[in-house]
């Protein structure tokens, strides 16, 4: 017996089950992708930033300090 026959040809009860199953799979897929994206971007609190992120942060801090010095001069 084919899987599509099992899901779609046994009345409304099985269609409702299929709908719930599809929604659950979609929800699980979206949540998993979101977690993987957070891990990739290292936005989770328990993950240390990458070294290149640290250098970018340092450059931004130095830039802000330079802007503050310029505004203090005027």
PDB file of N, CA and C in Angstrom:
ATOM      1  N   UNK A   1       0.844  -1.181   0.000  1.00  0.00           N
ATOM      2  CA  UNK A   1       0.000   0.000   0.000  1.00  0.00           C
ATOM      3  C   UNK A   1       0.894   1.251   0.000  1.00  0.00           C
ATOM      4  N   UNK A   2       0.540   2.189  -0.841  1.00  0.00           N
ATOM      5  CA  UNK A   2       1.333   3.407  -0.935  1.00  0.00           C
ATOM      6  C   UNK A   2       1.032   4.345   0.228  1.00  0.00           C
ATOM      7  N   UNK A   3       2.006   5.167   0.546  1.00  0.00           N
ATOM      8  CA  UNK A   3       1.849   6.098   1.658  1.00  0.00           C
ATOM      9  C   UNK A   3       0.767   7.135   1.364  1.00  0.00           C
ATOM     10  N   UNK A   4       0.697   7.606   0.118  1.00  0.00           N
ATOM     11  CA  UNK A   4      -0.333   8.587  -0.227  1.00  0.00           C
ATOM     12  C   UNK A   4      -1.726   7.976  -0.091  1.00  0.00           C
ATOM     13  N   UNK A   5      -1.869   6.702  -0.437  1.00  0.00           N
ATOM     14  CA  UNK A   5      -3.156   6.023  -0.282  1.00  0.00           C
ATOM     15  C   UNK A   5      -3.512   5.923   1.195  1.00  0.00           C
ATOM     16  N   UNK A   6      -2.538   5.621   2.007  1.00  0.00           N
ATOM     17  CA  UNK A   6      -2.771   5.513   3.445  1.00  0.00           C
ATOM     18  C   UNK A   6      -3.221   6.845   4.026  1.00  0.00           C
ATOM     19  N   UNK A   7      -2.622   7.943   3.583  1.00  0.00           N
ATOM     20  CA  UNK A   7      -2.950   9.247   4.150  1.00  0.00           C
ATOM     21  C   UNK A   7      -4.255   9.833   3.621  1.00  0.00           C
ATOM     22  N   UNK A   8      -4.523   9.672   2.344  1.00  0.00           N
ATOM     23  CA  UNK A   8      -5.597  10.459   1.739  1.00  0.00           C
ATOM     24  C   UNK A   8      -6.868   9.687   1.402  1.00  0.00           C
ATOM     25  N   UNK A   9      -6.868   8.385   1.453  1.00  0.00           N
ATOM     26  CA  UNK A   9      -8.042   7.647   0.993  1.00  0.00           C
ATOM     27  C   UNK A   9      -8.850   6.994   2.097  1.00  0.00           C
ATOM     28  N   UNK A  10      -8.583   7.297   3.347  1.00  0.00           N
ATOM     29  CA  UNK A  10      -9.320   6.655   4.424  1.00  0.00           C
ATOM     30  C   UNK A  10     -10.204   7.618   5.193  1.00  0.00           C
ATOM     31  N   UNK A  11     -10.673   8.656   4.569  1.00  0.00           N
ATOM     32  CA  UNK A  11     -11.647   9.544   5.201  1.00  0.00           C
ATOM     33  C   UNK A  11     -11.017  10.738   5.895  1.00  0.00           C
ATOM     34  N   UNK A  12     -11.901  11.514   6.528  1.00  0.00           N
ATOM     35  CA  UNK A  12     -11.495  12.785   7.122  1.00  0.00           C
ATOM     36  C   UNK A  12     -10.558  12.613   8.308  1.00  0.00           C
ATOM     37  N   UNK A  13     -10.704  11.517   9.049  1.00  0.00           N
ATOM     38  CA  UNK A  13      -9.871  11.334  10.234  1.00  0.00           C
ATOM     39  C   UNK A  13      -8.394  11.250   9.847  1.00  0.00           C
ATOM     40  N   UNK A  14      -8.110  10.498   8.807  1.00  0.00           N
ATOM     41  CA  UNK A  14      -6.721  10.380   8.378  1.00  0.00           C
ATOM     42  C   UNK A  14      -6.224  11.664   7.726  1.00  0.00           C
ATOM     43  N   UNK A  15      -7.095  12.386   7.071  1.00  0.00           N
ATOM     44  CA  UNK A  15      -6.685  13.672   6.496  1.00  0.00           C
ATOM     45  C   UNK A  15      -6.327  14.656   7.607  1.00  0.00           C
ATOM     46  N   UNK A  16      -7.105  14.650   8.678  1.00  0.00           N
ATOM     47  CA  UNK A  16      -6.807  15.519   9.810  1.00  0.00           C
ATOM     48  C   UNK A  16      -5.469  15.137  10.430  1.00  0.00           C
ATOM     49  N   UNK A  17      -5.218  13.841  10.545  1.00  0.00           N
ATOM     50  CA  UNK A  17      -3.936  13.374  11.065  1.00  0.00           C
ATOM     51  C   UNK A  17      -2.798  13.818  10.152  1.00  0.00           C
ATOM     52  N   UNK A  18      -2.998  13.710   8.860  1.00  0.00           N
ATOM     53  CA  UNK A  18      -1.970  14.121   7.897  1.00  0.00           C
ATOM     54  C   UNK A  18      -1.709  15.620   8.006  1.00  0.00           C
ATOM     55  N   UNK A  19      -2.768  16.390   8.169  1.00  0.00           N
ATOM     56  CA  UNK A  19      -2.622  17.839   8.306  1.00  0.00           C
ATOM     57  C   UNK A  19      -1.822  18.170   9.563  1.00  0.00           C
ATOM     58  N   UNK A  20      -2.164  17.528  10.676  1.00  0.00           N
ATOM     59  CA  UNK A  20      -1.425  17.774  11.922  1.00  0.00           C
ATOM     60  C   UNK A  20       0.029  17.345  11.788  1.00  0.00           C
ATOM     61  N   UNK A  21       0.251  16.227  11.120  1.00  0.00           N
ATOM     62  CA  UNK A  21       1.614  15.744  10.926  1.00  0.00           C
ATOM     63  C   UNK A  21       2.428  16.721  10.077  1.00  0.00           C
ATOM     64  N   UNK A  22       1.832  17.220   9.012  1.00  0.00           N
ATOM     65  CA  UNK A  22       2.531  18.173   8.140  1.00  0.00           C
ATOM     66  C   UNK A  22       2.844  19.473   8.885  1.00  0.00           C
ATOM     67  N   UNK A  23       1.901  19.955   9.682  1.00  0.00           N
ATOM     68  CA  UNK A  23       2.127  21.179  10.453  1.00  0.00           C
ATOM     69  C   UNK A  23       3.239  20.955  11.468  1.00  0.00           C
ATOM     70  N   UNK A  24       3.243  19.800  12.127  1.00  0.00           N
ATOM     71  CA  UNK A  24       4.293  19.498  13.094  1.00  0.00           C
ATOM     72  C   UNK A  24       5.659  19.439  12.416  1.00  0.00           C
ATOM     73  N   UNK A  25       5.730  18.776  11.268  1.00  0.00           N
ATOM     74  CA  UNK A  25       7.004  18.673  10.545  1.00  0.00           C
ATOM     75  C   UNK A  25       7.475  20.061  10.111  1.00  0.00           C
ATOM     76  N   UNK A  26       6.563  20.882   9.616  1.00  0.00           N
ATOM     77  CA  UNK A  26       6.915  22.238   9.204  1.00  0.00           C
ATOM     78  C   UNK A  26       7.400  23.061  10.399  1.00  0.00           C
ATOM     79  N   UNK A  27       6.692  22.974  11.515  1.00  0.00           N
ATOM     80  CA  UNK A  27       7.090  23.691  12.723  1.00  0.00           C
ATOM     81  C   UNK A  27       8.461  23.228  13.199  1.00  0.00           C
ATOM     82  N   UNK A  28       8.686  21.925  13.232  1.00  0.00           N
ATOM     83  CA  UNK A  28       9.965  21.368  13.660  1.00  0.00           C
ATOM     84  C   UNK A  28      11.087  21.829  12.727  1.00  0.00           C
ATOM     85  N   UNK A  29      10.809  21.852  11.424  1.00  0.00           N
ATOM     86  CA  UNK A  29      11.790  22.284  10.429  1.00  0.00           C
ATOM     87  C   UNK A  29      12.171  23.749  10.642  1.00  0.00           C
ATOM     88  N   UNK A  30      11.179  24.613  10.868  1.00  0.00           N
ATOM     89  CA  UNK A  30      11.441  26.039  11.055  1.00  0.00           C
ATOM     90  C   UNK A  30      12.230  26.269  12.342  1.00  0.00           C
ATOM     91  N   UNK A  31      11.836  25.595  13.422  1.00  0.00           N
ATOM     92  CA  UNK A  31      12.545  25.758  14.695  1.00  0.00           C
ATOM     93  C   UNK A  31      13.981  25.272  14.566  1.00  0.00           C
ATOM     94  N   UNK A  32      14.174  24.141  13.907  1.00  0.00           N
ATOM     95  CA  UNK A  32      15.524  23.607  13.726  1.00  0.00           C
ATOM     96  C   UNK A  32      16.381  24.565  12.905  1.00  0.00           C
ATOM     97  N   UNK A  33      15.831  25.094  11.826  1.00  0.00           N
ATOM     98  CA  UNK A  33      16.586  26.052  11.014  1.00  0.00           C
ATOM     99  C   UNK A  33      16.938  27.303  11.811  1.00  0.00           C
ATOM    100  N   UNK A  34      16.002  27.767  12.635  1.00  0.00           N
ATOM    101  CA  UNK A  34      16.258  28.958  13.431  1.00  0.00           C
ATOM    102  C   UNK A  34      17.390  28.705  14.431  1.00  0.00           C
ATOM    103  N   UNK A  35      17.375  27.576  15.081  1.00  0.00           N
ATOM    104  CA  UNK A  35      18.436  27.247  16.040  1.00  0.00           C
ATOM    105  C   UNK A  35      19.779  27.122  15.327  1.00  0.00           C
ATOM    106  N   UNK A  36      19.779  26.477  14.161  1.00  0.00           N
ATOM    107  CA  UNK A  36      21.028  26.353  13.416  1.00  0.00           C
ATOM    108  C   UNK A  36      21.552  27.714  12.975  1.00  0.00           C
ATOM    109  N   UNK A  37      20.649  28.606  12.594  1.00  0.00           N
ATOM    110  CA  UNK A  37      21.066  29.953  12.211  1.00  0.00           C
ATOM    111  C   UNK A  37      21.652  30.704  13.406  1.00  0.00           C
ATOM    112  N   UNK A  38      21.029  30.558  14.572  1.00  0.00           N
ATOM    113  CA  UNK A  38      21.571  31.203  15.766  1.00  0.00           C
ATOM    114  C   UNK A  38      22.948  30.659  16.105  1.00  0.00           C
ATOM    115  N   UNK A  39      23.123  29.358  15.964  1.00  0.00           N
ATOM    116  CA  UNK A  39      24.427  28.762  16.237  1.00  0.00           C
ATOM    117  C   UNK A  39      25.451  29.274  15.224  1.00  0.00           C
ATOM    118  N   UNK A  40      25.055  29.368  13.960  1.00  0.00           N
ATOM    119  CA  UNK A  40      25.973  29.850  12.932  1.00  0.00           C
ATOM    120  C   UNK A  40      26.387  31.297  13.203  1.00  0.00           C
ATOM    121  N   UNK A  41      25.424  32.117  13.606  1.00  0.00           N
ATOM    122  CA  UNK A  41      25.722  33.522  13.872  1.00  0.00           C
ATOM    123  C   UNK A  41      26.315  33.738  15.257  1.00  0.00           C
ATOM    124  N   UNK A  42      26.326  32.716  16.078  1.00  0.00           N
ATOM    125  CA  UNK A  42      26.852  32.766  17.452  1.00  0.00           C
ATOM    126  C   UNK A  42      26.112  33.800  18.291  1.00  0.00           C
ATOM    127  N   UNK A  43      24.798  33.854  18.154  1.00  0.00           N
ATOM    128  CA  UNK A  43      23.998  34.779  18.954  1.00  0.00           C
ATOM    129  C   UNK A  43      23.528  34.164  20.264  1.00  0.00           C
ATOM    130  N   UNK A  44      23.801  32.893  20.471  1.00  0.00           N
ATOM    131  CA  UNK A  44      23.389  32.275  21.722  1.00  0.00           C
ATOM    132  C   UNK A  44      24.344  32.701  22.832  1.00  0.00           C
ATOM    133  N   UNK A  45      23.808  32.908  24.028  1.00  0.00           N
ATOM    134  CA  UNK A  45      24.608  33.464  25.118  1.00  0.00           C
ATOM    135  C   UNK A  45      25.752  32.551  25.528  1.00  0.00           C
ATOM    136  N   UNK A  46      25.559  31.245  25.438  1.00  0.00           N
ATOM    137  CA  UNK A  46      26.571  30.320  25.937  1.00  0.00           C
ATOM    138  C   UNK A  46      27.688  30.072  24.936  1.00  0.00           C
ATOM    139  N   UNK A  47      27.595  30.678  23.757  1.00  0.00           N
ATOM    140  CA  UNK A  47      28.643  30.468  22.759  1.00  0.00           C
ATOM    141  C   UNK A  47      29.535  31.702  22.688  1.00  0.00           C
ATOM    142  N   UNK A  48      30.831  31.530  22.802  1.00  0.00           N
ATOM    143  CA  UNK A  48      31.722  32.689  22.690  1.00  0.00           C
ATOM    144  C   UNK A  48      31.739  33.221  21.257  1.00  0.00           C
ATOM    145  N   UNK A  49      31.972  34.511  21.084  1.00  0.00           N
ATOM    146  CA  UNK A  49      32.042  35.048  19.723  1.00  0.00           C
ATOM    147  C   UNK A  49      33.281  34.551  18.995  1.00  0.00           C
ATOM    148  N   UNK A  50      33.198  34.564  17.700  1.00  0.00           N
ATOM    149  CA  UNK A  50      34.344  34.163  16.885  1.00  0.00           C
ATOM    150  C   UNK A  50      35.436  35.226  16.974  1.00  0.00           C
ATOM    151  N   UNK A  51      36.676  34.847  16.696  1.00  0.00           N
ATOM    152  CA  UNK A  51      37.754  35.854  16.721  1.00  0.00           C
ATOM    153  C   UNK A  51      37.525  36.997  15.736  1.00  0.00           C
ATOM    154  N   UNK A  52      36.984  36.704  14.551  1.00  0.00           N
ATOM    155  CA  UNK A  52      36.737  37.790  13.595  1.00  0.00           C
ATOM    156  C   UNK A  52      35.637  38.714  14.093  1.00  0.00           C
ATOM    157  N   UNK A  53      34.666  38.171  14.856  1.00  0.00           N
ATOM    158  CA  UNK A  53      33.647  39.026  15.452  1.00  0.00           C
ATOM    159  C   UNK A  53      34.270  39.952  16.493  1.00  0.00           C
ATOM    160  N   UNK A  54      35.230  39.429  17.244  1.00  0.00           N
ATOM    161  CA  UNK A  54      35.902  40.253  18.253  1.00  0.00           C
ATOM    162  C   UNK A  54      36.659  41.404  17.604  1.00  0.00           C
ATOM    163  N   UNK A  55      37.314  41.127  16.474  1.00  0.00           N
ATOM    164  CA  UNK A  55      38.052  42.201  15.806  1.00  0.00           C
ATOM    165  C   UNK A  55      37.091  43.251  15.255  1.00  0.00           C
ATOM    166  N   UNK A  56      35.939  42.821  14.752  1.00  0.00           N
ATOM    167  CA  UNK A  56      34.955  43.781  14.263  1.00  0.00           C
ATOM    168  C   UNK A  56      34.411  44.627  15.406  1.00  0.00           C
ATOM    169  N   UNK A  57      34.197  43.995  16.557  1.00  0.00           N
ATOM    170  CA  UNK A  57      33.718  44.737  17.719  1.00  0.00           C
ATOM    171  C   UNK A  57      34.759  45.765  18.151  1.00  0.00           C
ATOM    172  N   UNK A  58      36.016  45.369  18.144  1.00  0.00           N
ATOM    173  CA  UNK A  58      37.096  46.287  18.534  1.00  0.00           C
ATOM    174  C   UNK A  58      37.170  47.472  17.569  1.00  0.00           C
ATOM    175  N   UNK A  59      37.037  47.211  16.275  1.00  0.00           N
ATOM    176  CA  UNK A  59      37.060  48.291  15.279  1.00  0.00           C
ATOM    177  C   UNK A  59      35.890  49.237  15.506  1.00  0.00           C
ATOM    178  N   UNK A  60      34.706  48.683  15.794  1.00  0.00           N
ATOM    179  CA  UNK A  60      33.547  49.538  16.047  1.00  0.00           C
ATOM    180  C   UNK A  60      33.752  50.384  17.298  1.00  0.00           C
ATOM    181  N   UNK A  61      34.343  49.793  18.351  1.00  0.00           N
ATOM    182  CA  UNK A  61      34.600  50.558  19.567  1.00  0.00           C
ATOM    183  C   UNK A  61      35.584  51.694  19.301  1.00  0.00           C
ATOM    184  N   UNK A  62      36.633  51.407  18.545  1.00  0.00           N
ATOM    185  CA  UNK A  62      37.607  52.451  18.225  1.00  0.00           C
ATOM    186  C   UNK A  62      36.983  53.546  17.375  1.00  0.00           C
ATOM    187  N   UNK A  63      36.116  53.164  16.441  1.00  0.00           N
ATOM    188  CA  UNK A  63      35.430  54.150  15.600  1.00  0.00           C
ATOM    189  C   UNK A  63      34.542  55.043  16.449  1.00  0.00           C
ATOM    190  N   UNK A  64      33.798  54.432  17.380  1.00  0.00           N
ATOM    191  CA  UNK A  64      32.942  55.238  18.249  1.00  0.00           C
ATOM    192  C   UNK A  64      33.766  56.164  19.134  1.00  0.00           C
ATOM    193  N   UNK A  65      34.889  55.681  19.625  1.00  0.00           N
ATOM    194  CA  UNK A  65      35.753  56.539  20.434  1.00  0.00           C
ATOM    195  C   UNK A  65      36.274  57.711  19.609  1.00  0.00           C
ATOM    196  N   UNK A  66      36.650  57.449  18.362  1.00  0.00           N
ATOM    197  CA  UNK A  66      37.139  58.523  17.493  1.00  0.00           C
ATOM    198  C   UNK A  66      36.032  59.539  17.228  1.00  0.00           C
ATOM    199  N   UNK A  67      34.807  59.078  17.022  1.00  0.00           N
ATOM    200  CA  UNK A  67      33.692  60.008  16.796  1.00  0.00           C
ATOM    201  C   UNK A  67      33.426  60.835  18.044  1.00  0.00           C
ATOM    202  N   UNK A  68      33.525  60.210  19.210  1.00  0.00           N
ATOM    203  CA  UNK A  68      33.318  60.959  20.455  1.00  0.00           C
ATOM    204  C   UNK A  68      34.394  62.013  20.643  1.00  0.00           C
ATOM    205  N   UNK A  69      35.618  61.694  20.289  1.00  0.00           N
ATOM    206  CA  UNK A  69      36.707  62.668  20.397  1.00  0.00           C
ATOM    207  C   UNK A  69      36.460  63.827  19.438  1.00  0.00           C
ATOM    208  N   UNK A  70      36.004  63.520  18.219  1.00  0.00           N
ATOM    209  CA  UNK A  70      35.736  64.580  17.245  1.00  0.00           C
ATOM    210  C   UNK A  70      34.613  65.487  17.732  1.00  0.00           C
ATOM    211  N   UNK A  71      33.571  64.915  18.304  1.00  0.00           N
ATOM    212  CA  UNK A  71      32.468  65.760  18.775  1.00  0.00           C
ATOM    213  C   UNK A  71      32.880  66.574  19.991  1.00  0.00           C
ATOM    214  N   UNK A  72      33.806  66.054  20.791  1.00  0.00           N
ATOM    215  CA  UNK A  72      34.287  66.823  21.940  1.00  0.00           C
ATOM    216  C   UNK A  72      35.122  68.025  21.495  1.00  0.00           C
ATOM    217  N   UNK A  73      35.790  67.903  20.356  1.00  0.00           N
ATOM    218  CA  UNK A  73      36.626  69.004  19.874  1.00  0.00           C
ATOM    219  C   UNK A  73      35.793  70.173  19.376  1.00  0.00           C
ATOM    220  N   UNK A  74      34.595  69.906  18.870  1.00  0.00           N
ATOM    221  CA  UNK A  74      33.786  70.988  18.309  1.00  0.00           C
ATOM    222  C   UNK A  74      33.034  71.685  19.371  1.00  0.00           C
TER     223      UNK A  74
END
